């Protein structure tokens, strides 16, 4: 992650395979590359780091910290059980109302909403670029073209899936 000013200073020095974010915007995508070390070595390093953290917690000799952590775990377990029960009740109501294929009905509605959100996002970003808000892009034109093309591709994907989206003029 870099600031916009720092990125402008060093962008020529950033290797091709390294990605760059400015804030929450990706301005340069990272490229997939082979692991420089063995996968097992990485796994072992993560396990050691986790064990080190657990050991620190244990050695801190703070019963209050351990009790607090234990209380939180119990609380989360209870919340999980309640959510699981609520899910079962909701599924029963859905089966009763829509029949056994209720998931298919909801999946279609979710797909429609997902496509529409993606389309609307790109259209709004296109208009933002038109009024001069194009953070993360080299120019307003680049941002406009990117988002217009992306909106068009989302629209085409939706049509391929048998979904007709609401467009700008509707």
N, C-alpha and C. Protein backbone atom coordinates (compact mmCIF):
# COMPACT_ATOMS: atom_id res chain seq x y z
N UNK A 1 0.84 -1.17 0.00
CA UNK A 1 0.00 0.00 0.00
C UNK A 1 0.89 1.23 0.00
N UNK A 2 0.54 2.14 -0.86
CA UNK A 2 1.29 3.38 -0.97
C UNK A 2 0.34 4.56 -1.04
N UNK A 3 0.86 5.73 -0.75
CA UNK A 3 0.09 6.93 -1.01
C UNK A 3 0.20 7.25 -2.48
N UNK A 4 -0.70 8.07 -2.98
CA UNK A 4 -0.69 8.41 -4.40
C UNK A 4 0.61 9.12 -4.77
N UNK A 5 1.07 10.05 -3.90
CA UNK A 5 2.30 10.79 -4.18
C UNK A 5 3.51 9.87 -4.22
N UNK A 6 3.60 8.96 -3.22
CA UNK A 6 4.73 8.05 -3.18
C UNK A 6 4.72 7.11 -4.38
N UNK A 7 3.53 6.64 -4.76
CA UNK A 7 3.45 5.76 -5.93
C UNK A 7 3.94 6.47 -7.18
N UNK A 8 3.56 7.73 -7.36
CA UNK A 8 4.01 8.48 -8.53
C UNK A 8 5.54 8.58 -8.57
N UNK A 9 6.16 8.68 -7.39
CA UNK A 9 7.62 8.77 -7.32
C UNK A 9 8.32 7.45 -7.68
N UNK A 10 7.74 6.34 -7.24
CA UNK A 10 8.45 5.06 -7.36
C UNK A 10 7.82 4.09 -8.36
N UNK A 11 6.80 4.48 -9.10
CA UNK A 11 6.10 3.51 -9.95
C UNK A 11 6.99 2.87 -11.00
N UNK A 12 8.00 3.56 -11.47
CA UNK A 12 8.91 2.97 -12.45
C UNK A 12 9.82 1.91 -11.83
N UNK A 13 10.00 1.98 -10.51
CA UNK A 13 10.90 1.05 -9.82
C UNK A 13 10.19 -0.20 -9.31
N UNK A 14 8.85 -0.21 -9.33
CA UNK A 14 8.09 -1.35 -8.81
C UNK A 14 8.19 -2.48 -9.82
N UNK A 15 8.67 -3.66 -9.39
CA UNK A 15 8.80 -4.80 -10.31
C UNK A 15 7.44 -5.19 -10.90
N UNK A 16 7.47 -5.83 -12.07
CA UNK A 16 6.25 -6.20 -12.78
C UNK A 16 5.33 -7.11 -11.98
N UNK A 17 5.88 -7.99 -11.16
CA UNK A 17 5.06 -8.98 -10.46
C UNK A 17 4.49 -8.46 -9.14
N UNK A 18 4.82 -7.24 -8.74
CA UNK A 18 4.36 -6.69 -7.47
C UNK A 18 3.12 -5.82 -7.72
N UNK A 19 2.07 -6.04 -6.91
CA UNK A 19 0.85 -5.24 -7.02
C UNK A 19 0.93 -4.02 -6.11
N UNK A 20 0.11 -3.02 -6.41
CA UNK A 20 0.12 -1.78 -5.62
C UNK A 20 -1.31 -1.35 -5.35
N UNK A 21 -1.56 -0.99 -4.10
CA UNK A 21 -2.84 -0.42 -3.70
C UNK A 21 -2.61 1.01 -3.23
N UNK A 22 -3.51 1.88 -3.61
CA UNK A 22 -3.55 3.23 -3.06
C UNK A 22 -4.89 3.31 -2.35
N UNK A 23 -4.83 3.35 -1.03
CA UNK A 23 -6.06 3.26 -0.25
C UNK A 23 -6.66 1.89 -0.47
N UNK A 24 -7.92 1.86 -0.88
CA UNK A 24 -8.57 0.57 -1.14
C UNK A 24 -8.65 0.28 -2.64
N UNK A 25 -8.00 1.10 -3.45
CA UNK A 25 -8.01 0.91 -4.91
C UNK A 25 -6.75 0.21 -5.39
N UNK A 26 -6.93 -0.82 -6.18
CA UNK A 26 -5.81 -1.51 -6.79
C UNK A 26 -5.42 -0.76 -8.06
N UNK A 27 -4.22 -0.20 -8.07
CA UNK A 27 -3.76 0.54 -9.25
C UNK A 27 -2.83 -0.29 -10.12
N UNK A 28 -2.32 -1.38 -9.57
CA UNK A 28 -1.44 -2.27 -10.34
C UNK A 28 -1.62 -3.67 -9.78
N UNK A 29 -2.10 -4.57 -10.62
CA UNK A 29 -2.36 -5.94 -10.16
C UNK A 29 -1.06 -6.72 -10.00
N UNK A 30 -1.05 -7.56 -8.97
CA UNK A 30 0.09 -8.46 -8.77
C UNK A 30 -0.04 -9.63 -9.75
N UNK A 31 1.08 -10.19 -10.13
CA UNK A 31 1.06 -11.34 -11.03
C UNK A 31 1.40 -12.59 -10.22
N UNK A 32 0.68 -13.66 -10.53
CA UNK A 32 0.91 -14.94 -9.83
C UNK A 32 2.34 -15.39 -10.12
N UNK A 33 2.99 -15.91 -9.09
CA UNK A 33 4.35 -16.40 -9.27
C UNK A 33 4.56 -17.65 -8.42
N UNK A 34 5.55 -18.40 -8.76
CA UNK A 34 5.87 -19.61 -8.03
C UNK A 34 6.39 -19.24 -6.64
N UNK A 35 6.13 -20.12 -5.67
CA UNK A 35 6.64 -19.89 -4.32
C UNK A 35 8.16 -19.91 -4.32
N UNK A 36 8.76 -18.96 -3.60
CA UNK A 36 10.22 -18.90 -3.53
C UNK A 36 10.75 -19.93 -2.54
N UNK A 37 9.88 -20.36 -1.59
CA UNK A 37 10.27 -21.38 -0.61
C UNK A 37 9.27 -22.51 -0.69
N UNK A 38 9.63 -23.63 -0.12
CA UNK A 38 8.78 -24.80 -0.13
C UNK A 38 7.49 -24.52 0.65
N UNK A 39 6.38 -25.06 0.17
CA UNK A 39 5.08 -24.85 0.82
C UNK A 39 5.10 -25.35 2.27
N UNK A 40 5.74 -26.47 2.51
CA UNK A 40 5.82 -27.02 3.86
C UNK A 40 6.55 -26.07 4.81
N UNK A 41 7.60 -25.42 4.32
CA UNK A 41 8.35 -24.47 5.14
C UNK A 41 7.43 -23.32 5.56
N UNK A 42 6.61 -22.83 4.62
CA UNK A 42 5.67 -21.76 4.94
C UNK A 42 4.64 -22.20 5.98
N UNK A 43 4.09 -23.40 5.80
CA UNK A 43 3.11 -23.92 6.75
C UNK A 43 3.71 -24.02 8.14
N UNK A 44 4.92 -24.55 8.21
CA UNK A 44 5.58 -24.70 9.51
C UNK A 44 5.83 -23.33 10.15
N UNK A 45 6.18 -22.34 9.35
CA UNK A 45 6.42 -21.00 9.87
C UNK A 45 5.13 -20.42 10.46
N UNK A 46 3.99 -20.62 9.77
CA UNK A 46 2.72 -20.14 10.29
C UNK A 46 2.35 -20.86 11.59
N UNK A 47 2.58 -22.15 11.62
CA UNK A 47 2.27 -22.91 12.83
C UNK A 47 3.14 -22.44 13.99
N UNK A 48 4.43 -22.22 13.74
CA UNK A 48 5.32 -21.74 14.80
C UNK A 48 4.87 -20.37 15.31
N UNK A 49 4.48 -19.48 14.38
CA UNK A 49 4.04 -18.14 14.78
C UNK A 49 2.79 -18.24 15.65
N UNK A 50 1.85 -19.10 15.27
CA UNK A 50 0.64 -19.30 16.07
C UNK A 50 0.96 -19.87 17.44
N UNK A 51 1.88 -20.83 17.49
CA UNK A 51 2.28 -21.42 18.76
C UNK A 51 2.96 -20.39 19.65
N UNK A 52 3.77 -19.52 19.03
CA UNK A 52 4.44 -18.46 19.78
C UNK A 52 3.42 -17.52 20.42
N UNK A 53 2.41 -17.14 19.66
CA UNK A 53 1.36 -16.26 20.19
C UNK A 53 0.59 -16.94 21.33
N UNK A 54 0.28 -18.22 21.14
CA UNK A 54 -0.44 -18.95 22.19
C UNK A 54 0.42 -19.06 23.45
N UNK A 55 1.71 -19.30 23.25
CA UNK A 55 2.63 -19.39 24.39
C UNK A 55 2.72 -18.06 25.13
N UNK A 56 2.77 -16.94 24.40
CA UNK A 56 2.80 -15.62 25.04
C UNK A 56 1.56 -15.42 25.91
N UNK A 57 0.40 -15.79 25.36
CA UNK A 57 -0.84 -15.63 26.11
C UNK A 57 -0.81 -16.48 27.37
N UNK A 58 -0.30 -17.70 27.25
CA UNK A 58 -0.24 -18.60 28.39
C UNK A 58 0.75 -18.09 29.44
N UNK A 59 1.89 -17.58 29.00
CA UNK A 59 2.94 -17.13 29.91
C UNK A 59 2.66 -15.78 30.56
N UNK A 60 1.71 -15.05 30.04
CA UNK A 60 1.47 -13.72 30.59
C UNK A 60 0.99 -13.80 32.03
N UNK A 61 0.63 -14.98 32.48
CA UNK A 61 0.21 -15.19 33.87
C UNK A 61 -0.90 -14.23 34.27
N UNK A 62 -1.74 -13.92 33.34
CA UNK A 62 -2.86 -13.04 33.63
C UNK A 62 -4.14 -13.86 33.57
N UNK A 63 -4.57 -14.35 34.72
CA UNK A 63 -5.79 -15.16 34.71
C UNK A 63 -6.99 -14.37 34.17
N UNK A 64 -7.00 -13.06 34.38
CA UNK A 64 -8.11 -12.24 33.90
C UNK A 64 -8.17 -12.26 32.37
N UNK A 65 -7.00 -12.17 31.75
CA UNK A 65 -6.96 -12.19 30.29
C UNK A 65 -7.44 -13.54 29.77
N UNK A 66 -6.99 -14.62 30.41
CA UNK A 66 -7.42 -15.95 29.99
C UNK A 66 -8.92 -16.14 30.23
N UNK A 67 -9.41 -15.68 31.39
CA UNK A 67 -10.84 -15.80 31.67
C UNK A 67 -11.67 -14.98 30.69
N UNK A 68 -11.19 -13.78 30.38
CA UNK A 68 -11.90 -12.92 29.43
C UNK A 68 -11.98 -13.59 28.07
N UNK A 69 -10.87 -14.18 27.64
CA UNK A 69 -10.84 -14.89 26.35
C UNK A 69 -11.79 -16.08 26.38
N UNK A 70 -11.79 -16.80 27.48
CA UNK A 70 -12.67 -17.95 27.62
C UNK A 70 -14.14 -17.52 27.59
N UNK A 71 -14.47 -16.42 28.28
CA UNK A 71 -15.84 -15.89 28.28
C UNK A 71 -16.28 -15.53 26.87
N UNK A 72 -15.39 -14.89 26.14
CA UNK A 72 -15.72 -14.50 24.76
C UNK A 72 -15.99 -15.73 23.90
N UNK A 73 -15.18 -16.77 24.09
CA UNK A 73 -15.38 -17.99 23.32
C UNK A 73 -16.74 -18.61 23.64
N UNK A 74 -17.12 -18.64 24.92
CA UNK A 74 -18.41 -19.20 25.33
C UNK A 74 -19.55 -18.37 24.74
N UNK A 75 -19.39 -17.04 24.79
CA UNK A 75 -20.41 -16.13 24.24
C UNK A 75 -20.60 -16.38 22.74
N UNK A 76 -19.47 -16.49 22.01
CA UNK A 76 -19.56 -16.73 20.57
C UNK A 76 -20.17 -18.09 20.27
N UNK A 77 -19.89 -19.08 21.09
CA UNK A 77 -20.47 -20.41 20.89
C UNK A 77 -21.99 -20.36 21.07
N UNK A 78 -22.45 -19.62 22.10
CA UNK A 78 -23.89 -19.47 22.31
C UNK A 78 -24.54 -18.73 21.14
N UNK A 79 -23.88 -17.66 20.67
CA UNK A 79 -24.41 -16.92 19.53
C UNK A 79 -24.50 -17.82 18.29
N UNK A 80 -23.50 -18.67 18.12
CA UNK A 80 -23.49 -19.59 16.99
C UNK A 80 -24.67 -20.56 17.08
N UNK A 81 -24.94 -21.09 18.28
CA UNK A 81 -26.05 -22.01 18.46
C UNK A 81 -27.39 -21.34 18.19
N UNK A 82 -27.55 -20.11 18.66
CA UNK A 82 -28.79 -19.36 18.44
C UNK A 82 -28.98 -19.11 16.94
N UNK A 83 -27.91 -18.68 16.27
CA UNK A 83 -27.99 -18.42 14.83
C UNK A 83 -28.33 -19.70 14.07
N UNK A 84 -27.77 -20.83 14.52
CA UNK A 84 -28.05 -22.12 13.87
C UNK A 84 -29.53 -22.48 14.04
N UNK A 85 -30.08 -22.27 15.23
CA UNK A 85 -31.49 -22.56 15.46
C UNK A 85 -32.38 -21.65 14.61
N UNK A 86 -32.02 -20.36 14.54
CA UNK A 86 -32.80 -19.42 13.72
C UNK A 86 -32.74 -19.82 12.25
N UNK A 87 -31.59 -20.29 11.80
CA UNK A 87 -31.45 -20.74 10.42
C UNK A 87 -32.38 -21.91 10.14
N UNK A 88 -32.43 -22.87 11.04
CA UNK A 88 -33.30 -24.04 10.85
C UNK A 88 -34.77 -23.62 10.78
N UNK A 89 -35.19 -22.69 11.64
CA UNK A 89 -36.57 -22.21 11.63
C UNK A 89 -36.87 -21.51 10.31
N UNK A 90 -35.94 -20.67 9.84
CA UNK A 90 -36.11 -19.95 8.58
C UNK A 90 -36.19 -20.93 7.40
N UNK A 91 -35.33 -21.92 7.38
CA UNK A 91 -35.37 -22.91 6.31
C UNK A 91 -36.71 -23.65 6.29
N UNK A 92 -37.24 -23.96 7.48
CA UNK A 92 -38.54 -24.64 7.56
C UNK A 92 -39.64 -23.76 6.97
N UNK A 93 -39.61 -22.45 7.33
CA UNK A 93 -40.61 -21.52 6.81
C UNK A 93 -40.50 -21.38 5.29
N UNK A 94 -39.27 -21.34 4.78
CA UNK A 94 -39.06 -21.22 3.33
C UNK A 94 -39.58 -22.45 2.59
N UNK A 95 -39.32 -23.65 3.15
CA UNK A 95 -39.82 -24.88 2.53
C UNK A 95 -41.34 -24.91 2.53
N UNK A 96 -41.91 -24.43 3.64
CA UNK A 96 -43.36 -24.42 3.76
C UNK A 96 -43.99 -23.45 2.75
N UNK A 97 -43.34 -22.31 2.52
CA UNK A 97 -43.90 -21.29 1.62
C UNK A 97 -43.60 -21.56 0.15
N UNK A 98 -42.33 -21.93 -0.16
CA UNK A 98 -41.91 -22.06 -1.56
C UNK A 98 -41.73 -23.50 -2.02
N UNK A 99 -41.82 -24.45 -1.11
CA UNK A 99 -41.62 -25.84 -1.49
C UNK A 99 -40.15 -26.24 -1.36
N UNK A 100 -39.86 -27.44 -1.81
CA UNK A 100 -38.52 -27.99 -1.63
C UNK A 100 -37.46 -27.27 -2.49
N UNK A 101 -37.88 -26.58 -3.54
CA UNK A 101 -36.93 -25.92 -4.44
C UNK A 101 -36.77 -24.44 -4.11
N UNK A 102 -36.96 -24.08 -2.86
CA UNK A 102 -36.88 -22.67 -2.47
C UNK A 102 -35.50 -22.08 -2.71
N UNK A 103 -34.46 -22.92 -2.61
CA UNK A 103 -33.10 -22.42 -2.81
C UNK A 103 -32.88 -21.94 -4.24
N UNK A 104 -33.47 -22.65 -5.21
CA UNK A 104 -33.33 -22.24 -6.60
C UNK A 104 -33.97 -20.87 -6.83
N UNK A 105 -35.13 -20.64 -6.21
CA UNK A 105 -35.81 -19.34 -6.34
C UNK A 105 -34.93 -18.23 -5.77
N UNK A 106 -34.35 -18.48 -4.60
CA UNK A 106 -33.51 -17.46 -3.97
C UNK A 106 -32.21 -17.27 -4.72
N UNK A 107 -31.64 -18.35 -5.27
CA UNK A 107 -30.40 -18.24 -6.04
C UNK A 107 -30.58 -17.33 -7.24
N UNK A 108 -31.71 -17.45 -7.93
CA UNK A 108 -31.96 -16.61 -9.09
C UNK A 108 -32.06 -15.14 -8.66
N UNK A 109 -32.79 -14.88 -7.60
CA UNK A 109 -32.93 -13.50 -7.11
C UNK A 109 -31.58 -12.92 -6.69
N UNK A 110 -30.76 -13.74 -6.04
CA UNK A 110 -29.42 -13.30 -5.63
C UNK A 110 -28.58 -12.96 -6.86
N UNK A 111 -28.67 -13.80 -7.89
CA UNK A 111 -27.90 -13.54 -9.12
C UNK A 111 -28.32 -12.22 -9.74
N UNK A 112 -29.64 -11.98 -9.80
CA UNK A 112 -30.14 -10.73 -10.37
C UNK A 112 -29.59 -9.55 -9.58
N UNK A 113 -29.68 -9.62 -8.25
CA UNK A 113 -29.20 -8.53 -7.41
C UNK A 113 -27.70 -8.32 -7.57
N UNK A 114 -26.94 -9.40 -7.64
CA UNK A 114 -25.49 -9.29 -7.78
C UNK A 114 -25.11 -8.64 -9.10
N UNK A 115 -25.71 -9.10 -10.19
CA UNK A 115 -25.43 -8.49 -11.49
C UNK A 115 -25.81 -7.01 -11.49
N UNK A 116 -27.00 -6.70 -10.92
CA UNK A 116 -27.46 -5.31 -10.92
C UNK A 116 -26.53 -4.42 -10.11
N UNK A 117 -26.08 -4.91 -8.97
CA UNK A 117 -25.15 -4.11 -8.13
C UNK A 117 -23.84 -3.85 -8.87
N UNK A 118 -23.31 -4.88 -9.52
CA UNK A 118 -22.05 -4.70 -10.27
C UNK A 118 -22.23 -3.71 -11.40
N UNK A 119 -23.34 -3.84 -12.13
CA UNK A 119 -23.61 -2.93 -13.23
C UNK A 119 -23.75 -1.49 -12.72
N UNK A 120 -24.58 -1.31 -11.68
CA UNK A 120 -24.81 0.03 -11.11
C UNK A 120 -23.51 0.65 -10.60
N UNK A 121 -22.65 -0.18 -10.00
CA UNK A 121 -21.38 0.33 -9.49
C UNK A 121 -20.53 0.92 -10.63
N UNK A 122 -20.40 0.18 -11.70
CA UNK A 122 -19.57 0.66 -12.81
C UNK A 122 -20.17 1.90 -13.47
N UNK A 123 -21.48 1.94 -13.58
CA UNK A 123 -22.13 3.13 -14.15
C UNK A 123 -21.88 4.34 -13.25
N UNK A 124 -22.03 4.17 -11.94
CA UNK A 124 -21.81 5.31 -11.03
C UNK A 124 -20.35 5.75 -11.06
N UNK A 125 -19.42 4.80 -11.17
CA UNK A 125 -18.00 5.16 -11.24
C UNK A 125 -17.68 5.88 -12.55
N UNK A 126 -18.37 5.50 -13.62
CA UNK A 126 -18.19 6.18 -14.91
C UNK A 126 -18.60 7.65 -14.77
N UNK A 127 -19.75 7.89 -14.12
CA UNK A 127 -20.21 9.27 -13.93
C UNK A 127 -19.30 10.04 -12.99
N UNK A 128 -18.78 9.35 -11.97
CA UNK A 128 -17.83 10.00 -11.06
C UNK A 128 -16.59 10.47 -11.84
N UNK A 129 -16.11 9.63 -12.73
CA UNK A 129 -14.94 9.98 -13.53
C UNK A 129 -15.26 11.16 -14.45
N UNK A 130 -16.48 11.22 -14.93
CA UNK A 130 -16.87 12.31 -15.82
C UNK A 130 -16.84 13.66 -15.12
N UNK A 131 -17.09 13.66 -13.79
CA UNK A 131 -17.07 14.93 -13.05
C UNK A 131 -15.72 15.17 -12.38
N UNK A 132 -14.74 14.32 -12.69
CA UNK A 132 -13.38 14.57 -12.21
C UNK A 132 -12.92 13.72 -11.04
N UNK A 133 -13.75 12.81 -10.58
CA UNK A 133 -13.34 11.91 -9.48
C UNK A 133 -12.87 10.59 -10.08
N UNK A 134 -11.57 10.44 -10.20
CA UNK A 134 -11.04 9.22 -10.83
C UNK A 134 -9.80 8.74 -10.08
N UNK A 135 -9.88 8.68 -8.76
CA UNK A 135 -8.76 8.22 -7.94
C UNK A 135 -8.28 6.85 -8.39
N UNK A 136 -6.97 6.72 -8.48
CA UNK A 136 -6.39 5.45 -8.87
C UNK A 136 -6.23 5.29 -10.37
N UNK A 137 -6.69 6.24 -11.15
CA UNK A 137 -6.57 6.18 -12.60
C UNK A 137 -5.69 7.32 -13.06
N UNK A 138 -5.03 7.12 -14.19
CA UNK A 138 -4.14 8.15 -14.70
C UNK A 138 -4.91 9.32 -15.31
N UNK A 139 -6.14 9.05 -15.77
CA UNK A 139 -6.94 10.15 -16.33
C UNK A 139 -8.42 9.82 -16.19
N UNK A 140 -9.21 10.87 -16.33
CA UNK A 140 -10.67 10.70 -16.30
C UNK A 140 -11.13 9.82 -17.45
N UNK A 141 -10.49 9.98 -18.60
CA UNK A 141 -10.86 9.19 -19.79
C UNK A 141 -10.62 7.71 -19.55
N UNK A 142 -9.46 7.38 -18.96
CA UNK A 142 -9.17 5.96 -18.67
C UNK A 142 -10.22 5.37 -17.74
N UNK A 143 -10.55 6.11 -16.69
CA UNK A 143 -11.53 5.63 -15.72
C UNK A 143 -12.91 5.47 -16.38
N UNK A 144 -13.32 6.46 -17.18
CA UNK A 144 -14.62 6.39 -17.86
C UNK A 144 -14.69 5.17 -18.78
N UNK A 145 -13.65 5.00 -19.61
CA UNK A 145 -13.65 3.87 -20.54
C UNK A 145 -13.66 2.54 -19.81
N UNK A 146 -12.87 2.44 -18.76
CA UNK A 146 -12.81 1.19 -18.00
C UNK A 146 -14.19 0.84 -17.43
N UNK A 147 -14.82 1.82 -16.77
CA UNK A 147 -16.10 1.53 -16.12
C UNK A 147 -17.23 1.34 -17.13
N UNK A 148 -17.19 2.05 -18.24
CA UNK A 148 -18.20 1.84 -19.28
C UNK A 148 -18.06 0.43 -19.86
N UNK A 149 -16.83 0.03 -20.14
CA UNK A 149 -16.59 -1.31 -20.67
C UNK A 149 -16.99 -2.38 -19.65
N UNK A 150 -16.62 -2.15 -18.38
CA UNK A 150 -16.96 -3.12 -17.33
C UNK A 150 -18.48 -3.25 -17.18
N UNK A 151 -19.20 -2.12 -17.23
CA UNK A 151 -20.67 -2.17 -17.13
C UNK A 151 -21.24 -2.96 -18.31
N UNK A 152 -20.69 -2.73 -19.49
CA UNK A 152 -21.15 -3.45 -20.68
C UNK A 152 -20.91 -4.95 -20.55
N UNK A 153 -19.75 -5.32 -20.04
CA UNK A 153 -19.44 -6.74 -19.86
C UNK A 153 -20.36 -7.39 -18.82
N UNK A 154 -20.64 -6.67 -17.73
CA UNK A 154 -21.56 -7.20 -16.72
C UNK A 154 -22.94 -7.40 -17.34
N UNK A 155 -23.39 -6.42 -18.12
CA UNK A 155 -24.69 -6.51 -18.77
C UNK A 155 -24.74 -7.73 -19.70
N UNK A 156 -23.68 -7.94 -20.48
CA UNK A 156 -23.63 -9.09 -21.39
C UNK A 156 -23.61 -10.41 -20.62
N UNK A 157 -22.86 -10.45 -19.52
CA UNK A 157 -22.84 -11.66 -18.69
C UNK A 157 -24.23 -11.97 -18.14
N UNK A 158 -24.94 -10.92 -17.72
CA UNK A 158 -26.29 -11.11 -17.19
C UNK A 158 -27.22 -11.65 -18.28
N UNK A 159 -27.13 -11.09 -19.48
CA UNK A 159 -27.96 -11.58 -20.58
C UNK A 159 -27.65 -13.04 -20.89
N UNK A 160 -26.37 -13.39 -20.85
CA UNK A 160 -25.97 -14.79 -21.08
C UNK A 160 -26.59 -15.71 -20.04
N UNK A 161 -26.72 -15.19 -18.81
CA UNK A 161 -27.32 -15.99 -17.73
C UNK A 161 -28.84 -15.93 -17.76
N UNK A 162 -29.41 -15.22 -18.76
CA UNK A 162 -30.86 -15.14 -18.89
C UNK A 162 -31.48 -14.06 -18.01
N UNK A 163 -30.69 -13.06 -17.64
CA UNK A 163 -31.16 -12.00 -16.74
C UNK A 163 -31.11 -10.67 -17.48
N UNK A 164 -32.20 -9.93 -17.42
CA UNK A 164 -32.24 -8.58 -18.03
C UNK A 164 -32.13 -7.56 -16.91
N UNK A 165 -31.11 -6.70 -16.99
CA UNK A 165 -30.86 -5.69 -15.97
C UNK A 165 -31.57 -4.39 -16.28
N UNK A 166 -31.78 -3.58 -15.25
CA UNK A 166 -32.29 -2.23 -15.44
C UNK A 166 -31.09 -1.36 -15.84
N UNK A 167 -31.26 -0.62 -16.94
CA UNK A 167 -30.15 0.18 -17.44
C UNK A 167 -30.32 1.63 -17.02
N UNK A 168 -29.38 2.46 -17.44
CA UNK A 168 -29.34 3.85 -17.02
C UNK A 168 -30.63 4.60 -17.27
N UNK A 169 -31.25 4.42 -18.42
CA UNK A 169 -32.44 5.19 -18.77
C UNK A 169 -33.74 4.65 -18.24
N UNK A 170 -33.74 3.49 -17.60
CA UNK A 170 -35.00 2.87 -17.17
C UNK A 170 -35.38 3.30 -15.78
